[in-house]
């Protein structure tokens, strides 16, 4: 999977310990990686799957 042009941002839930970065500026994919291992593996989700995950995590 080519992630050229990905704009990575730190999750707002990471607090002072960066641990998760998300790139959601690419067409058709949302990529997630460990900020402490930026050359390591990347998880890739469809935008709808990612949105569903985030919605469920936000629920009280």
N, C-alpha and C. Protein backbone atom coordinates (compact mmCIF):
# COMPACT_ATOMS: atom_id res chain seq x y z
N UNK A 1 0.84 -1.17 0.00
CA UNK A 1 0.00 0.00 0.00
C UNK A 1 0.89 1.24 0.00
N UNK A 2 0.63 2.13 -0.89
CA UNK A 2 1.41 3.36 -0.97
C UNK A 2 0.79 4.43 -0.08
N UNK A 3 1.58 4.93 0.82
CA UNK A 3 1.10 5.99 1.71
C UNK A 3 1.81 7.31 1.42
N UNK A 4 2.32 7.43 0.19
CA UNK A 4 2.97 8.68 -0.20
C UNK A 4 1.98 9.82 -0.08
N UNK A 5 2.40 10.89 0.54
CA UNK A 5 1.53 12.05 0.70
C UNK A 5 0.68 12.01 1.95
N UNK A 6 0.86 10.96 2.78
CA UNK A 6 0.08 10.88 4.01
C UNK A 6 0.47 12.01 4.95
N UNK A 7 -0.53 12.66 5.52
CA UNK A 7 -0.31 13.68 6.53
C UNK A 7 -0.70 13.07 7.87
N UNK A 8 0.30 12.81 8.68
CA UNK A 8 0.09 12.15 9.96
C UNK A 8 -0.20 13.17 11.04
N UNK A 9 -1.15 12.85 11.91
CA UNK A 9 -1.45 13.69 13.07
C UNK A 9 -1.58 12.80 14.28
N UNK A 10 -1.25 13.35 15.42
CA UNK A 10 -1.33 12.60 16.67
C UNK A 10 -2.77 12.59 17.16
N UNK A 11 -3.20 11.47 17.65
CA UNK A 11 -4.54 11.37 18.20
C UNK A 11 -4.71 12.34 19.37
N UNK A 12 -5.85 12.98 19.44
CA UNK A 12 -6.12 13.88 20.57
C UNK A 12 -6.26 13.10 21.87
N UNK A 13 -6.47 11.81 21.78
CA UNK A 13 -6.60 10.97 22.97
C UNK A 13 -5.25 10.49 23.51
N UNK A 14 -4.18 10.79 22.79
CA UNK A 14 -2.85 10.34 23.22
C UNK A 14 -2.33 11.13 24.41
N UNK A 15 -2.85 12.31 24.63
CA UNK A 15 -2.38 13.13 25.74
C UNK A 15 -0.93 13.52 25.57
N UNK A 16 -0.20 13.50 26.67
CA UNK A 16 1.21 13.91 26.62
C UNK A 16 2.12 12.79 26.14
N UNK A 17 1.60 11.59 26.04
CA UNK A 17 2.40 10.46 25.57
C UNK A 17 1.93 10.07 24.17
N UNK A 18 2.59 10.62 23.16
CA UNK A 18 2.22 10.28 21.80
C UNK A 18 2.29 8.78 21.60
N UNK A 19 1.24 8.21 21.10
CA UNK A 19 1.28 6.77 20.86
C UNK A 19 0.57 6.36 19.58
N UNK A 20 -0.38 7.15 19.12
CA UNK A 20 -1.12 6.79 17.93
C UNK A 20 -1.13 7.98 16.98
N UNK A 21 -0.84 7.70 15.70
CA UNK A 21 -0.94 8.72 14.67
C UNK A 21 -1.90 8.23 13.60
N UNK A 22 -2.65 9.17 13.04
CA UNK A 22 -3.65 8.84 12.04
C UNK A 22 -3.39 9.70 10.80
N UNK A 23 -3.50 9.09 9.64
CA UNK A 23 -3.46 9.81 8.37
C UNK A 23 -4.78 9.56 7.68
N UNK A 24 -5.60 10.60 7.59
CA UNK A 24 -6.92 10.44 6.98
C UNK A 24 -7.11 11.36 5.78
N UNK A 25 -6.00 11.76 5.17
CA UNK A 25 -6.08 12.65 4.01
C UNK A 25 -5.94 11.92 2.68
N UNK A 26 -5.80 10.61 2.70
CA UNK A 26 -5.64 9.84 1.47
C UNK A 26 -6.99 9.31 1.00
N UNK A 27 -7.21 9.25 -0.31
CA UNK A 27 -8.50 8.77 -0.80
C UNK A 27 -8.71 7.28 -0.51
N UNK A 28 -9.83 6.97 0.13
CA UNK A 28 -10.22 5.59 0.32
C UNK A 28 -9.53 4.82 1.42
N UNK A 29 -8.68 5.48 2.22
CA UNK A 29 -7.98 4.77 3.29
C UNK A 29 -7.69 5.70 4.46
N UNK A 30 -7.79 5.14 5.66
CA UNK A 30 -7.35 5.82 6.88
C UNK A 30 -6.25 4.93 7.46
N UNK A 31 -5.08 5.50 7.65
CA UNK A 31 -3.93 4.75 8.13
C UNK A 31 -3.65 5.11 9.58
N UNK A 32 -3.23 4.12 10.36
CA UNK A 32 -2.94 4.30 11.78
C UNK A 32 -1.60 3.65 12.08
N UNK A 33 -0.75 4.35 12.85
CA UNK A 33 0.56 3.80 13.20
C UNK A 33 0.95 4.21 14.61
N UNK A 34 1.95 3.53 15.12
CA UNK A 34 2.53 3.82 16.43
C UNK A 34 3.53 4.96 16.26
N UNK A 35 3.34 6.05 16.97
CA UNK A 35 4.23 7.20 16.81
C UNK A 35 5.64 6.93 17.32
N UNK A 36 5.79 5.92 18.15
CA UNK A 36 7.12 5.57 18.65
C UNK A 36 7.87 4.66 17.69
N UNK A 37 7.19 4.16 16.66
CA UNK A 37 7.80 3.28 15.66
C UNK A 37 7.28 3.66 14.28
N UNK A 38 7.64 4.84 13.83
CA UNK A 38 7.09 5.38 12.59
C UNK A 38 7.47 4.60 11.34
N UNK A 39 8.50 3.82 11.42
CA UNK A 39 8.89 2.98 10.28
C UNK A 39 8.27 1.58 10.37
N UNK A 40 7.54 1.32 11.45
CA UNK A 40 6.94 0.02 11.68
C UNK A 40 5.65 -0.18 10.90
N UNK A 41 4.88 -1.16 11.29
CA UNK A 41 3.66 -1.50 10.56
C UNK A 41 2.60 -0.41 10.65
N UNK A 42 1.73 -0.41 9.66
CA UNK A 42 0.62 0.54 9.58
C UNK A 42 -0.66 -0.27 9.41
N UNK A 43 -1.67 0.10 10.17
CA UNK A 43 -3.00 -0.49 9.99
C UNK A 43 -3.77 0.39 9.03
N UNK A 44 -4.52 -0.21 8.13
CA UNK A 44 -5.28 0.55 7.15
C UNK A 44 -6.76 0.15 7.22
N UNK A 45 -7.61 1.17 7.21
CA UNK A 45 -9.05 0.96 7.30
C UNK A 45 -9.75 1.75 6.20
N UNK A 46 -10.93 1.29 5.82
CA UNK A 46 -11.75 2.11 4.93
C UNK A 46 -12.26 3.28 5.78
N UNK A 47 -12.56 4.40 5.15
CA UNK A 47 -13.08 5.53 5.93
C UNK A 47 -14.35 5.18 6.72
N UNK A 48 -15.23 4.38 6.16
CA UNK A 48 -16.46 4.04 6.89
C UNK A 48 -16.18 3.14 8.09
N UNK A 49 -15.24 2.21 7.95
CA UNK A 49 -14.87 1.36 9.08
C UNK A 49 -14.23 2.20 10.19
N UNK A 50 -13.34 3.12 9.81
CA UNK A 50 -12.69 3.98 10.80
C UNK A 50 -13.72 4.85 11.52
N UNK A 51 -14.65 5.43 10.75
CA UNK A 51 -15.69 6.28 11.35
C UNK A 51 -16.53 5.47 12.34
N UNK A 52 -16.87 4.24 11.99
CA UNK A 52 -17.63 3.38 12.88
C UNK A 52 -16.86 3.09 14.16
N UNK A 53 -15.58 2.80 14.03
CA UNK A 53 -14.72 2.55 15.19
C UNK A 53 -14.69 3.77 16.11
N UNK A 54 -14.43 4.94 15.54
CA UNK A 54 -14.33 6.16 16.34
C UNK A 54 -15.66 6.45 17.02
N UNK A 55 -16.76 6.29 16.32
CA UNK A 55 -18.08 6.53 16.92
C UNK A 55 -18.32 5.61 18.10
N UNK A 56 -17.93 4.35 17.99
CA UNK A 56 -18.15 3.41 19.08
C UNK A 56 -17.23 3.68 20.26
N UNK A 57 -16.03 4.14 20.00
CA UNK A 57 -15.10 4.45 21.09
C UNK A 57 -15.55 5.69 21.85
N UNK A 58 -16.17 6.61 21.17
CA UNK A 58 -16.63 7.86 21.80
C UNK A 58 -17.86 7.67 22.69
N UNK A 59 -18.57 6.58 22.50
CA UNK A 59 -19.79 6.36 23.29
C UNK A 59 -19.45 6.14 24.75
N UNK A 60 -20.28 6.74 25.65
CA UNK A 60 -20.03 6.56 27.10
C UNK A 60 -20.32 5.15 27.57
